[in-house]
Amino acid sequence: MKKSFKIEVDCANCANLVEEAVKKVAGVKSANVVFMTQKMKIEFDDDADIDAIMKEVVRVAKKVEPDFEVIG
């Protein structure tokens, strides 16, 4: 399953760091963070608990970019 999220990151390098961190989260098949559009696309494993994974995604993203936010 793929989902798209509106996010807030401060710079292109931060977006890259967030993307690399999110790719390592269990249950995430792939991730793509685009600074220009402020969007993050995540492909989840088929049997994934998306809510639990997103909590972990936000936690690891805030480690590399403290201002990271998922909007909406």
N, C-alpha and C. Protein backbone atom coordinates (compact mmCIF):
# COMPACT_ATOMS: atom_id res chain seq x y z
N MET A 1 0.84 -1.17 0.00
CA MET A 1 0.00 0.00 0.00
C MET A 1 0.89 1.24 0.00
N LYS A 2 0.51 2.21 -0.82
CA LYS A 2 1.25 3.47 -0.89
C LYS A 2 0.38 4.59 -0.33
N LYS A 3 1.03 5.51 0.38
CA LYS A 3 0.33 6.68 0.90
C LYS A 3 1.21 7.90 0.72
N SER A 4 0.58 9.04 0.56
CA SER A 4 1.28 10.31 0.41
C SER A 4 0.92 11.20 1.59
N PHE A 5 1.91 11.92 2.11
CA PHE A 5 1.72 12.77 3.28
C PHE A 5 2.28 14.16 3.01
N LYS A 6 1.55 15.17 3.41
CA LYS A 6 2.05 16.55 3.37
C LYS A 6 2.94 16.71 4.60
N ILE A 7 4.14 17.22 4.38
CA ILE A 7 5.10 17.34 5.48
C ILE A 7 5.69 18.74 5.51
N GLU A 8 6.50 18.98 6.53
CA GLU A 8 7.24 20.23 6.62
C GLU A 8 8.68 19.91 6.99
N VAL A 9 9.60 20.24 6.08
CA VAL A 9 11.04 20.14 6.34
C VAL A 9 11.67 21.45 5.91
N ASP A 10 12.78 21.80 6.54
CA ASP A 10 13.38 23.12 6.35
C ASP A 10 14.31 23.25 5.15
N CYS A 11 14.91 22.16 4.71
CA CYS A 11 15.87 22.27 3.61
C CYS A 11 15.94 20.96 2.84
N ALA A 12 16.54 21.02 1.65
CA ALA A 12 16.66 19.83 0.80
C ALA A 12 17.52 18.76 1.46
N ASN A 13 18.58 19.15 2.12
CA ASN A 13 19.43 18.19 2.80
C ASN A 13 18.66 17.50 3.93
N CYS A 14 17.86 18.25 4.65
CA CYS A 14 17.03 17.66 5.72
C CYS A 14 16.06 16.65 5.14
N ALA A 15 15.47 16.98 4.00
CA ALA A 15 14.54 16.06 3.34
C ALA A 15 15.24 14.75 2.98
N ASN A 16 16.47 14.85 2.50
CA ASN A 16 17.24 13.66 2.16
C ASN A 16 17.54 12.83 3.40
N LEU A 17 17.92 13.47 4.49
CA LEU A 17 18.20 12.76 5.73
C LEU A 17 16.95 12.07 6.27
N VAL A 18 15.83 12.75 6.19
CA VAL A 18 14.56 12.16 6.64
C VAL A 18 14.23 10.94 5.78
N GLU A 19 14.37 11.07 4.48
CA GLU A 19 14.08 9.96 3.57
C GLU A 19 14.92 8.73 3.91
N GLU A 20 16.20 8.93 4.11
CA GLU A 20 17.08 7.80 4.43
C GLU A 20 16.69 7.15 5.77
N ALA A 21 16.31 7.96 6.75
CA ALA A 21 15.91 7.42 8.06
C ALA A 21 14.60 6.64 7.94
N VAL A 22 13.65 7.17 7.19
CA VAL A 22 12.34 6.52 7.04
C VAL A 22 12.47 5.18 6.32
N LYS A 23 13.36 5.10 5.36
CA LYS A 23 13.56 3.85 4.62
C LYS A 23 13.98 2.70 5.53
N LYS A 24 14.56 3.01 6.68
CA LYS A 24 15.06 1.98 7.60
C LYS A 24 14.00 1.51 8.60
N VAL A 25 12.84 2.14 8.62
CA VAL A 25 11.78 1.78 9.56
C VAL A 25 11.15 0.45 9.14
N ALA A 26 10.97 -0.44 10.09
CA ALA A 26 10.34 -1.74 9.81
C ALA A 26 8.92 -1.51 9.31
N GLY A 27 8.57 -2.20 8.23
CA GLY A 27 7.25 -2.06 7.64
C GLY A 27 7.20 -1.11 6.47
N VAL A 28 8.31 -0.40 6.22
CA VAL A 28 8.39 0.54 5.09
C VAL A 28 9.15 -0.15 3.96
N LYS A 29 8.48 -0.30 2.80
CA LYS A 29 9.14 -0.87 1.62
C LYS A 29 10.01 0.17 0.93
N SER A 30 9.45 1.38 0.78
CA SER A 30 10.20 2.46 0.14
C SER A 30 9.66 3.79 0.63
N ALA A 31 10.49 4.81 0.48
CA ALA A 31 10.09 6.16 0.88
C ALA A 31 10.72 7.16 -0.06
N ASN A 32 10.00 8.25 -0.30
CA ASN A 32 10.49 9.32 -1.15
C ASN A 32 10.03 10.64 -0.54
N VAL A 33 10.99 11.50 -0.21
CA VAL A 33 10.69 12.81 0.36
C VAL A 33 11.13 13.86 -0.65
N VAL A 34 10.21 14.75 -1.01
CA VAL A 34 10.50 15.80 -2.00
C VAL A 34 10.40 17.15 -1.29
N PHE A 35 11.53 17.82 -1.17
CA PHE A 35 11.57 19.11 -0.49
C PHE A 35 10.72 20.16 -1.20
N MET A 36 10.81 20.23 -2.52
CA MET A 36 10.13 21.28 -3.29
C MET A 36 8.61 21.23 -3.11
N THR A 37 8.05 20.03 -3.04
CA THR A 37 6.59 19.90 -2.89
C THR A 37 6.18 19.69 -1.45
N GLN A 38 7.16 19.48 -0.56
CA GLN A 38 6.89 19.21 0.86
C GLN A 38 5.97 18.00 1.00
N LYS A 39 6.31 16.93 0.25
CA LYS A 39 5.52 15.69 0.32
C LYS A 39 6.43 14.50 0.55
N MET A 40 5.85 13.52 1.24
CA MET A 40 6.55 12.26 1.50
C MET A 40 5.63 11.14 1.04
N LYS A 41 6.15 10.26 0.19
CA LYS A 41 5.41 9.09 -0.26
C LYS A 41 6.05 7.87 0.36
N ILE A 42 5.23 7.03 0.96
CA ILE A 42 5.72 5.82 1.61
C ILE A 42 4.95 4.63 1.06
N GLU A 43 5.68 3.57 0.73
CA GLU A 43 5.06 2.30 0.38
C GLU A 43 5.27 1.37 1.57
N PHE A 44 4.16 0.88 2.10
CA PHE A 44 4.18 0.03 3.29
C PHE A 44 4.12 -1.44 2.89
N ASP A 45 4.62 -2.32 3.79
CA ASP A 45 4.44 -3.75 3.61
C ASP A 45 2.95 -4.06 3.58
N ASP A 46 2.58 -5.15 2.93
CA ASP A 46 1.17 -5.48 2.74
C ASP A 46 0.40 -5.65 4.05
N ASP A 47 1.01 -6.24 5.06
CA ASP A 47 0.32 -6.50 6.32
C ASP A 47 0.67 -5.47 7.40
N ALA A 48 1.04 -4.29 6.98
CA ALA A 48 1.56 -3.28 7.90
C ALA A 48 0.45 -2.60 8.73
N ASP A 49 0.81 -2.27 9.97
CA ASP A 49 -0.03 -1.43 10.83
C ASP A 49 0.42 0.01 10.58
N ILE A 50 -0.27 0.69 9.68
CA ILE A 50 0.17 2.00 9.20
C ILE A 50 0.28 3.02 10.33
N ASP A 51 -0.68 3.02 11.26
CA ASP A 51 -0.64 3.98 12.37
C ASP A 51 0.62 3.80 13.22
N ALA A 52 0.95 2.55 13.54
CA ALA A 52 2.14 2.27 14.36
C ALA A 52 3.41 2.63 13.60
N ILE A 53 3.43 2.32 12.32
CA ILE A 53 4.62 2.64 11.51
C ILE A 53 4.79 4.15 11.40
N MET A 54 3.70 4.88 11.21
CA MET A 54 3.80 6.34 11.09
C MET A 54 4.30 6.97 12.39
N LYS A 55 3.95 6.43 13.52
CA LYS A 55 4.49 6.94 14.79
C LYS A 55 5.99 6.77 14.82
N GLU A 56 6.47 5.62 14.35
CA GLU A 56 7.92 5.37 14.30
C GLU A 56 8.57 6.26 13.25
N VAL A 57 7.92 6.46 12.12
CA VAL A 57 8.44 7.34 11.06
C VAL A 57 8.66 8.74 11.62
N VAL A 58 7.68 9.28 12.31
CA VAL A 58 7.79 10.62 12.88
C VAL A 58 8.91 10.67 13.92
N ARG A 59 9.01 9.62 14.73
CA ARG A 59 10.05 9.57 15.77
C ARG A 59 11.45 9.61 15.15
N VAL A 60 11.71 8.77 14.15
CA VAL A 60 13.05 8.74 13.54
C VAL A 60 13.31 10.00 12.72
N ALA A 61 12.28 10.53 12.08
CA ALA A 61 12.46 11.76 11.29
C ALA A 61 12.82 12.93 12.19
N LYS A 62 12.20 13.00 13.36
CA LYS A 62 12.51 14.10 14.29
C LYS A 62 13.92 13.98 14.87
N LYS A 63 14.50 12.79 14.85
CA LYS A 63 15.88 12.63 15.31
C LYS A 63 16.85 13.33 14.37
N VAL A 64 16.57 13.26 13.06
CA VAL A 64 17.47 13.89 12.08
C VAL A 64 17.05 15.30 11.73
N GLU A 65 15.76 15.62 11.91
CA GLU A 65 15.24 16.96 11.61
C GLU A 65 14.19 17.31 12.66
N PRO A 66 14.62 17.97 13.76
CA PRO A 66 13.70 18.26 14.86
C PRO A 66 12.44 19.03 14.47
N ASP A 67 12.49 19.80 13.38
CA ASP A 67 11.32 20.57 12.94
C ASP A 67 10.38 19.78 12.03
N PHE A 68 10.68 18.51 11.78
CA PHE A 68 9.85 17.69 10.88
C PHE A 68 8.43 17.59 11.41
N GLU A 69 7.46 17.74 10.53
CA GLU A 69 6.04 17.60 10.88
C GLU A 69 5.30 16.92 9.74
N VAL A 70 4.34 16.06 10.10
CA VAL A 70 3.39 15.53 9.13
C VAL A 70 2.14 16.40 9.30
N ILE A 71 1.70 17.00 8.21
CA ILE A 71 0.58 17.94 8.26
C ILE A 71 -0.67 17.24 7.76
N GLY A 72 -1.70 17.28 8.56
CA GLY A 72 -3.00 16.73 8.15
C GLY A 72 -3.12 15.30 8.27
